[in-house]
Amino acid sequence: MQVDGRAMRPIGALAAGDGIEIIDQRALPHELKLVELRTPEAVFTAIRDMWLRGAPLIGAAAAYGLALALRADASDSALDAAAARLREARPTAVNLAWAIDRVHRCVRPLAASLRADVAWHEADAIAEEDVATNAAIGRHGLALLHELARRHPDRPVRVLTHCNAGWLATVDWGTATSPIYQAHAQGMRLHVWVDETRPRNQGASLTAWELGRAGVPHAVVADNAGGHLMQQRQVDLVIVGCDRVAANGDVCNKIGTYLKALAAQDNGVPFYVAMPSSTFDATLPSGDAIPIEERTAREVTHLAGRDSRGRVVEVQLTPDGSGAVNPAFDVTPARLVTGLITEHGIVAAEAAELRRLGEHAA
């Protein structure tokens, strides 16, 4: 995607092949900061502490992290240990384990002397495939936006998003934002309602930054405003991303997604989930089996922002002594999902459709 006229991705391999460069998303939207990661432990920390985040992106980063580990020690024991360590960084997004397992399977049969280079090549392939996947998701989702534009030629198509499922969460294009960017490039009139997405505010700090850089009309709204906007007929479509989809079509995504799905159903608003096939987990029968990450209470009790002097500072929101609980994700039942936008087309959120999708993607 373009940032101030410059083509940019949130992750890229360094020219020497001895590390990766990422956008440090903790600094956005106030500063565009690039960071080099040259060790597997640095990659682990960046994933765990959310220097970068988003299911497809952390999968690509973990693949590079495993390749970096093999540059230091390519023995069987080191390979297995590095893979296990990286898997621990974030438990919910299935892309992390998927990418690590893919690289592991690719290099395990090889001689140790070949493993590092082959792993690096496989990480590159995972990254480039993600770009193509997200572009395809955008093309399929674009049809939904064209239909809405046809129905309402006198006004913009109004889309509500939650969290950041944009290019900052992937290697490029984004998942939920890919149809939006492609529609905008075609000249379609759009307006995007951007959920702030407490407690980490990925909508307010990341999605809004992305859309602004791309020139897409948008407005940030408080998380609890979504239902009101739907009641007032100000939302034509909800598109969100996902971190894992179970075999029955239940969708795990950033906390607050379930409430948007409930409001959408109550108001007759289509609720779509952008789902790369790598995010589908056929091993889990339903969303009840998806592990939900519990993050630090400080993300709830404190907030960072820019003060009147331009300094980024952290402030406390809650009274001294008040505790907080911080589940990072929730599960939206398949019955609330209008459809899953995949790189292979739009499918129903039901077991039979997902089985066929898995067979097609295999």
Protein backbone atom coordinates (compact mmCIF):
# COMPACT_ATOMS: atom_id res chain seq x y z
CA MET A 1 0.00 0.00 0.00
CA GLN A 2 1.00 3.65 -0.31
CA VAL A 3 2.12 5.81 2.61
CA ASP A 4 2.71 9.40 1.58
CA GLY A 5 3.45 8.24 -1.95
CA ARG A 6 5.81 5.47 -0.87
CA ALA A 7 5.02 1.80 -1.41
CA MET A 8 5.25 0.10 1.95
CA ARG A 9 4.53 -3.17 3.69
CA PRO A 10 4.47 -3.81 7.44
CA ILE A 11 7.13 -6.51 7.09
CA GLY A 12 9.99 -7.18 4.73
CA ALA A 13 13.19 -9.21 4.57
CA LEU A 14 16.44 -7.30 4.94
CA ALA A 15 18.60 -7.35 1.82
CA ALA A 16 21.33 -9.38 3.53
CA GLY A 17 18.84 -12.05 4.57
CA ASP A 18 19.87 -11.74 8.21
CA GLY A 19 16.66 -10.28 9.59
CA ILE A 20 13.38 -8.54 8.88
CA GLU A 21 12.23 -4.94 9.06
CA ILE A 22 8.79 -4.21 10.49
CA ILE A 23 6.59 -1.22 11.17
CA ASP A 24 6.45 -0.86 14.96
CA GLN A 25 2.70 -0.51 15.35
CA ARG A 26 3.00 0.64 18.95
CA ALA A 27 4.16 4.04 17.66
CA LEU A 28 1.22 4.58 15.30
CA PRO A 29 -0.63 6.78 14.53
CA HIS A 30 1.73 9.45 15.83
CA GLU A 31 5.00 8.14 14.41
CA LEU A 32 5.93 5.82 11.54
CA LYS A 33 8.76 3.83 13.09
CA LEU A 34 10.69 1.00 11.42
CA VAL A 35 12.48 -1.63 13.50
CA GLU A 36 14.92 -4.36 12.47
CA LEU A 37 14.58 -7.81 14.03
CA ARG A 38 17.66 -10.00 13.62
CA THR A 39 17.12 -12.85 16.10
CA PRO A 40 14.30 -15.34 16.72
CA GLU A 41 13.92 -13.99 20.25
CA ALA A 42 13.42 -10.48 18.88
CA VAL A 43 10.70 -11.83 16.59
CA PHE A 44 9.10 -13.66 19.54
CA THR A 45 9.06 -10.45 21.59
CA ALA A 46 7.67 -8.40 18.70
CA ILE A 47 4.78 -10.85 18.28
CA ARG A 48 4.08 -11.30 22.00
CA ASP A 49 4.21 -7.60 22.83
CA MET A 50 2.33 -6.56 19.68
CA TRP A 51 4.97 -4.52 17.92
CA LEU A 52 3.19 -6.20 15.03
CA ARG A 53 -0.16 -7.96 15.16
CA GLY A 54 -2.88 -9.38 12.94
CA ALA A 55 -3.24 -13.09 12.28
CA PRO A 56 -1.69 -13.23 8.77
CA LEU A 57 1.15 -10.87 9.69
CA ILE A 58 2.26 -12.69 12.81
CA GLY A 59 2.23 -15.92 10.81
CA ALA A 60 4.64 -14.46 8.26
CA ALA A 61 6.81 -12.98 11.02
CA ALA A 62 6.98 -16.29 12.87
CA ALA A 63 8.06 -18.05 9.67
CA TYR A 64 10.97 -15.63 9.34
CA GLY A 65 11.71 -16.08 13.03
CA LEU A 66 12.06 -19.83 12.59
CA ALA A 67 14.37 -19.30 9.61
CA LEU A 68 16.53 -16.97 11.71
CA ALA A 69 16.73 -19.61 14.45
CA LEU A 70 18.05 -22.13 11.92
CA ARG A 71 20.82 -19.75 10.86
CA ALA A 72 22.20 -20.09 14.41
CA ASP A 73 21.53 -23.81 14.91
CA ALA A 74 19.89 -26.09 12.36
CA SER A 75 19.93 -29.30 14.39
CA ASP A 76 16.75 -31.31 14.93
CA SER A 77 16.53 -30.33 18.59
CA ALA A 78 17.08 -26.64 17.84
CA LEU A 79 14.44 -26.69 15.08
CA ASP A 80 11.86 -28.29 17.37
CA ALA A 81 12.69 -25.98 20.26
CA ALA A 82 12.52 -22.81 18.14
CA ALA A 83 9.19 -23.86 16.64
CA ALA A 84 7.74 -24.56 20.10
CA ARG A 85 9.01 -21.25 21.45
CA LEU A 86 7.55 -19.17 18.64
CA ARG A 87 4.19 -20.93 18.92
CA GLU A 88 3.92 -19.64 22.50
CA ALA A 89 4.02 -15.96 21.47
CA ARG A 90 0.24 -15.62 20.85
CA PRO A 91 -2.18 -18.50 21.47
CA THR A 92 -5.37 -17.51 19.63
CA ALA A 93 -4.51 -16.67 16.00
CA VAL A 94 -4.16 -19.97 14.14
CA ASN A 95 -1.97 -18.45 11.39
CA LEU A 96 0.95 -18.37 13.81
CA ALA A 97 0.99 -22.13 14.32
CA TRP A 98 0.03 -22.73 10.68
CA ALA A 99 3.06 -20.83 9.35
CA ILE A 100 5.47 -22.39 11.84
CA ASP A 101 4.21 -25.89 11.08
CA ARG A 102 4.49 -25.24 7.34
CA VAL A 103 8.14 -24.20 7.59
CA HIS A 104 8.88 -27.04 10.02
CA ARG A 105 7.40 -29.67 7.67
CA CYS A 106 9.33 -28.20 4.76
CA VAL A 107 12.76 -28.36 6.38
CA ARG A 108 12.55 -31.34 8.76
CA PRO A 109 13.49 -33.95 6.12
CA LEU A 110 16.47 -31.88 4.90
CA ALA A 111 20.11 -31.97 5.89
CA ALA A 112 20.94 -29.37 8.53
CA SER A 113 23.16 -27.46 6.09
CA LEU A 114 20.17 -26.76 3.83
CA ARG A 115 17.55 -25.89 6.40
CA ALA A 116 18.17 -22.19 7.01
CA ASP A 117 18.08 -21.16 3.35
CA VAL A 118 15.07 -23.31 2.55
CA ALA A 119 13.22 -21.98 5.60
CA TRP A 120 13.94 -18.41 4.52
CA HIS A 121 12.64 -19.16 1.02
CA GLU A 122 9.49 -20.69 2.52
CA ALA A 123 8.93 -17.62 4.72
CA ASP A 124 9.22 -15.44 1.62
CA ALA A 125 6.65 -17.66 -0.10
CA ILE A 126 4.24 -17.38 2.85
CA ALA A 127 4.53 -13.59 2.72
CA GLU A 128 3.93 -13.35 -1.04
CA GLU A 129 1.05 -15.82 -0.91
CA ASP A 130 -0.59 -13.67 1.74
CA VAL A 131 -0.50 -10.66 -0.60
CA ALA A 132 -2.17 -12.66 -3.36
CA THR A 133 -4.72 -14.13 -0.95
CA ASN A 134 -5.76 -10.74 0.35
CA ALA A 135 -6.01 -9.27 -3.13
CA ALA A 136 -8.36 -12.14 -4.05
CA ILE A 137 -10.45 -11.60 -0.91
CA GLY A 138 -10.79 -7.99 -2.00
CA ARG A 139 -11.99 -8.94 -5.47
CA HIS A 140 -14.69 -11.22 -4.06
CA GLY A 141 -15.77 -8.69 -1.44
CA LEU A 142 -15.85 -5.96 -4.07
CA ALA A 143 -18.96 -7.55 -5.59
CA LEU A 144 -20.85 -6.89 -2.34
CA LEU A 145 -19.89 -3.21 -2.43
CA HIS A 146 -20.83 -2.88 -6.11
CA GLU A 147 -24.29 -4.30 -5.37
CA LEU A 148 -24.79 -1.81 -2.54
CA ALA A 149 -23.58 1.05 -4.74
CA ARG A 150 -26.11 -0.01 -7.39
CA ARG A 151 -28.92 0.06 -4.84
CA HIS A 152 -27.90 3.45 -3.45
CA PRO A 153 -26.50 5.51 -6.33
CA ASP A 154 -27.29 8.79 -4.59
CA ARG A 155 -24.96 8.32 -1.57
CA PRO A 156 -21.76 6.59 -0.41
CA VAL A 157 -21.73 2.94 0.59
CA ARG A 158 -21.34 2.88 4.37
CA VAL A 159 -19.21 0.12 5.88
CA LEU A 160 -18.52 -0.52 9.56
CA THR A 161 -15.27 -2.21 10.61
CA HIS A 162 -13.95 -3.50 13.92
CA CYS A 163 -10.33 -3.68 15.06
CA ASN A 164 -7.67 -3.53 12.33
CA ALA A 165 -7.98 -6.07 9.55
CA GLY A 166 -6.11 -3.77 7.20
CA TRP A 167 -2.74 -4.00 5.48
CA LEU A 168 -1.02 -3.43 8.83
CA ALA A 169 -2.48 -6.77 9.97
CA THR A 170 -1.29 -8.65 6.89
CA VAL A 171 1.61 -8.48 4.45
CA ASP A 172 -0.43 -6.20 2.14
CA TRP A 173 -4.01 -5.18 1.25
CA GLY A 174 -5.56 -6.37 4.49
CA THR A 175 -8.48 -8.76 4.68
CA ALA A 176 -11.60 -6.77 5.65
CA THR A 177 -10.15 -3.61 4.10
CA SER A 178 -9.12 -5.16 0.79
CA PRO A 179 -12.57 -4.73 -0.81
CA ILE A 180 -12.65 -1.17 0.51
CA TYR A 181 -9.28 -0.24 -0.98
CA GLN A 182 -10.15 -1.83 -4.30
CA ALA A 183 -13.52 -0.07 -4.43
CA HIS A 184 -11.90 3.25 -3.56
CA ALA A 185 -9.32 2.74 -6.33
CA GLN A 186 -12.22 2.27 -8.78
CA GLY A 187 -13.75 5.56 -7.72
CA MET A 188 -16.66 4.18 -5.70
CA ARG A 189 -18.11 6.56 -3.11
CA LEU A 190 -17.50 5.07 0.34
CA HIS A 191 -17.69 6.01 3.98
CA VAL A 192 -16.15 3.77 6.63
CA TRP A 193 -17.22 3.77 10.27
CA VAL A 194 -14.10 2.81 12.23
CA ASP A 195 -14.71 1.23 15.64
CA GLU A 196 -12.11 2.54 18.10
CA THR A 197 -11.72 -1.07 19.40
CA ARG A 198 -10.85 -0.78 23.05
CA PRO A 199 -8.73 -1.55 24.90
CA ARG A 200 -5.81 -1.39 22.43
CA ASN A 201 -7.62 0.97 20.04
CA GLN A 202 -6.43 -0.73 16.86
CA GLY A 203 -9.30 0.84 14.95
CA ALA A 204 -8.66 4.39 16.12
CA SER A 205 -4.88 4.19 15.85
CA LEU A 206 -4.29 1.79 12.94
CA THR A 207 -7.35 1.47 10.67
CA ALA A 208 -8.01 5.20 10.76
CA TRP A 209 -4.32 5.88 9.99
CA GLU A 210 -4.41 3.47 7.05
CA LEU A 211 -7.63 4.85 5.59
CA GLY A 212 -6.43 8.41 6.00
CA ARG A 213 -3.18 7.69 4.16
CA ALA A 214 -5.20 6.09 1.35
CA GLY A 215 -7.68 8.96 1.16
CA VAL A 216 -10.71 6.84 2.09
CA PRO A 217 -13.46 8.87 3.82
CA HIS A 218 -13.98 7.61 7.34
CA ALA A 219 -14.89 8.52 10.90
CA VAL A 220 -13.81 6.93 14.17
CA VAL A 221 -16.70 5.97 16.44
CA ALA A 222 -16.85 4.71 20.00
CA ASP A 223 -17.26 0.93 20.13
CA ASN A 224 -20.72 1.26 21.67
CA ALA A 225 -21.96 3.52 18.85
CA GLY A 226 -22.18 0.73 16.29
CA GLY A 227 -25.61 -0.51 17.33
CA HIS A 228 -27.02 3.01 17.29
CA LEU A 229 -25.66 3.65 13.81
CA MET A 230 -27.32 0.46 12.59
CA GLN A 231 -30.63 1.43 14.18
CA GLN A 232 -30.41 4.78 12.39
CA ARG A 233 -29.83 2.99 9.05
CA GLN A 234 -26.35 4.48 8.76
CA VAL A 235 -24.60 1.14 8.12
CA ASP A 236 -25.03 -0.85 4.90
CA LEU A 237 -22.53 -3.59 5.64
CA VAL A 238 -20.24 -4.84 8.40
CA ILE A 239 -16.93 -6.44 7.39
CA VAL A 240 -14.52 -7.75 10.02
CA GLY A 241 -11.45 -9.94 9.98
CA CYS A 242 -10.81 -13.08 12.02
CA ASP A 243 -8.09 -14.82 13.98
CA ARG A 244 -9.55 -18.31 13.77
CA VAL A 245 -12.65 -19.94 12.32
CA ALA A 246 -13.79 -23.29 13.70
CA ALA A 247 -15.08 -26.21 11.64
CA ASN A 248 -18.72 -25.23 12.22
CA GLY A 249 -18.18 -21.62 11.10
CA ASP A 250 -17.87 -19.96 14.52
CA VAL A 251 -15.58 -16.94 14.20
CA CYS A 252 -13.00 -15.77 16.72
CA ASN A 253 -12.00 -12.13 16.34
CA LYS A 254 -11.05 -9.10 18.41
CA ILE A 255 -13.15 -8.58 21.54
CA GLY A 256 -16.35 -6.71 20.72
CA THR A 257 -16.97 -8.43 17.38
CA TYR A 258 -19.76 -10.57 18.86
CA LEU A 259 -21.69 -7.49 19.97
CA LYS A 260 -21.48 -6.00 16.46
CA ALA A 261 -22.81 -9.25 15.02
CA LEU A 262 -25.75 -9.22 17.43
CA ALA A 263 -26.59 -5.63 16.54
CA ALA A 264 -26.27 -6.38 12.83
CA GLN A 265 -28.66 -9.32 13.03
CA ASP A 266 -31.20 -7.29 15.02
CA ASN A 267 -31.13 -4.54 12.41
CA GLY A 268 -30.94 -6.62 9.25
CA VAL A 269 -27.41 -5.47 8.38
CA PRO A 270 -25.25 -8.02 6.50
CA PHE A 271 -22.32 -9.18 8.64
CA TYR A 272 -19.37 -10.57 6.66
CA VAL A 273 -16.06 -11.99 7.84
CA ALA A 274 -12.95 -11.79 5.66
CA MET A 275 -11.23 -15.16 6.12
CA PRO A 276 -8.02 -16.34 4.45
CA SER A 277 -8.15 -20.13 4.23
CA SER A 278 -5.07 -20.27 6.49
CA THR A 279 -7.26 -18.93 9.30
CA PHE A 280 -9.67 -21.87 9.10
CA ASP A 281 -9.03 -24.48 11.80
CA ALA A 282 -10.74 -27.72 10.87
CA THR A 283 -9.39 -29.42 14.01
CA LEU A 284 -11.73 -27.50 16.31
CA PRO A 285 -15.40 -28.51 16.10
CA SER A 286 -16.74 -25.18 17.37
CA GLY A 287 -15.73 -21.82 18.77
CA ASP A 288 -16.03 -23.20 22.29
CA ALA A 289 -12.67 -24.92 21.78
CA ILE A 290 -10.78 -21.79 20.65
CA PRO A 291 -8.27 -20.59 23.28
CA ILE A 292 -8.96 -16.98 24.22
CA GLU A 293 -5.87 -14.96 25.05
CA GLU A 294 -5.96 -13.01 28.31
CA ARG A 295 -3.78 -9.93 28.10
CA THR A 296 -2.44 -7.63 30.78
CA ALA A 297 -4.88 -5.55 32.81
CA ARG A 298 -2.75 -2.47 32.13
CA GLU A 299 -4.12 -2.31 28.57
CA VAL A 300 -7.53 -1.61 30.15
CA THR A 301 -6.47 0.63 33.02
CA HIS A 302 -4.05 2.84 31.06
CA LEU A 303 -4.08 4.58 27.70
CA ALA A 304 -1.36 6.18 25.57
CA GLY A 305 -1.90 9.29 23.47
CA ARG A 306 -0.33 12.53 22.29
CA ASP A 307 -0.52 15.56 24.60
CA SER A 308 -0.77 19.23 23.66
CA ARG A 309 3.02 19.43 23.32
CA GLY A 310 3.14 16.58 20.84
CA ARG A 311 4.56 14.09 23.32
CA VAL A 312 3.20 10.54 23.50
CA VAL A 313 2.33 9.88 27.15
CA GLU A 314 0.53 7.18 29.08
CA VAL A 315 -2.29 8.07 31.46
CA GLN A 316 -4.24 6.06 34.00
CA LEU A 317 -7.99 5.78 33.38
CA THR A 318 -9.18 3.87 36.44
CA PRO A 319 -9.11 4.50 40.18
CA ASP A 320 -6.16 3.24 42.19
CA GLY A 321 -6.87 -0.28 43.35
CA SER A 322 -9.45 -1.16 40.69
CA GLY A 323 -8.61 -4.39 38.92
CA ALA A 324 -9.33 -5.20 35.28
CA VAL A 325 -9.88 -8.26 33.14
CA ASN A 326 -8.73 -8.21 29.53
CA PRO A 327 -9.90 -11.02 27.21
CA ALA A 328 -8.42 -10.15 23.82
CA PHE A 329 -10.97 -12.01 21.65
CA ASP A 330 -14.53 -13.25 21.56
CA VAL A 331 -16.39 -15.81 19.47
CA THR A 332 -19.23 -14.94 17.11
CA PRO A 333 -21.54 -17.94 16.49
CA ALA A 334 -21.84 -19.01 12.87
CA ARG A 335 -25.58 -18.29 12.89
CA LEU A 336 -24.80 -14.55 13.08
CA VAL A 337 -22.41 -14.56 10.10
CA THR A 338 -23.91 -13.72 6.71
CA GLY A 339 -20.91 -15.11 4.86
CA LEU A 340 -17.17 -15.69 4.86
CA ILE A 341 -15.20 -13.81 2.19
CA THR A 342 -12.29 -16.07 1.25
CA GLU A 343 -9.70 -16.01 -1.52
CA HIS A 344 -11.79 -18.73 -3.23
CA GLY A 345 -15.08 -16.85 -3.06
CA ILE A 346 -17.84 -16.11 -0.56
CA VAL A 347 -19.03 -19.16 1.38
CA ALA A 348 -21.59 -19.78 4.08
CA ALA A 349 -20.38 -20.10 7.66
CA GLU A 350 -21.38 -23.74 7.96
CA ALA A 351 -19.55 -27.02 8.27
CA ALA A 352 -20.33 -28.50 4.84
CA GLU A 353 -19.24 -25.34 2.97
CA LEU A 354 -16.06 -25.11 5.01
CA ARG A 355 -15.21 -28.77 4.37
CA ARG A 356 -15.47 -28.12 0.64
CA LEU A 357 -13.35 -25.01 1.01
CA GLY A 358 -10.69 -27.00 2.86
CA GLU A 359 -10.65 -29.61 0.11
CA HIS A 360 -10.34 -26.90 -2.54
CA ALA A 361 -7.49 -25.16 -0.71
CA ALA A 362 -5.54 -28.36 0.01
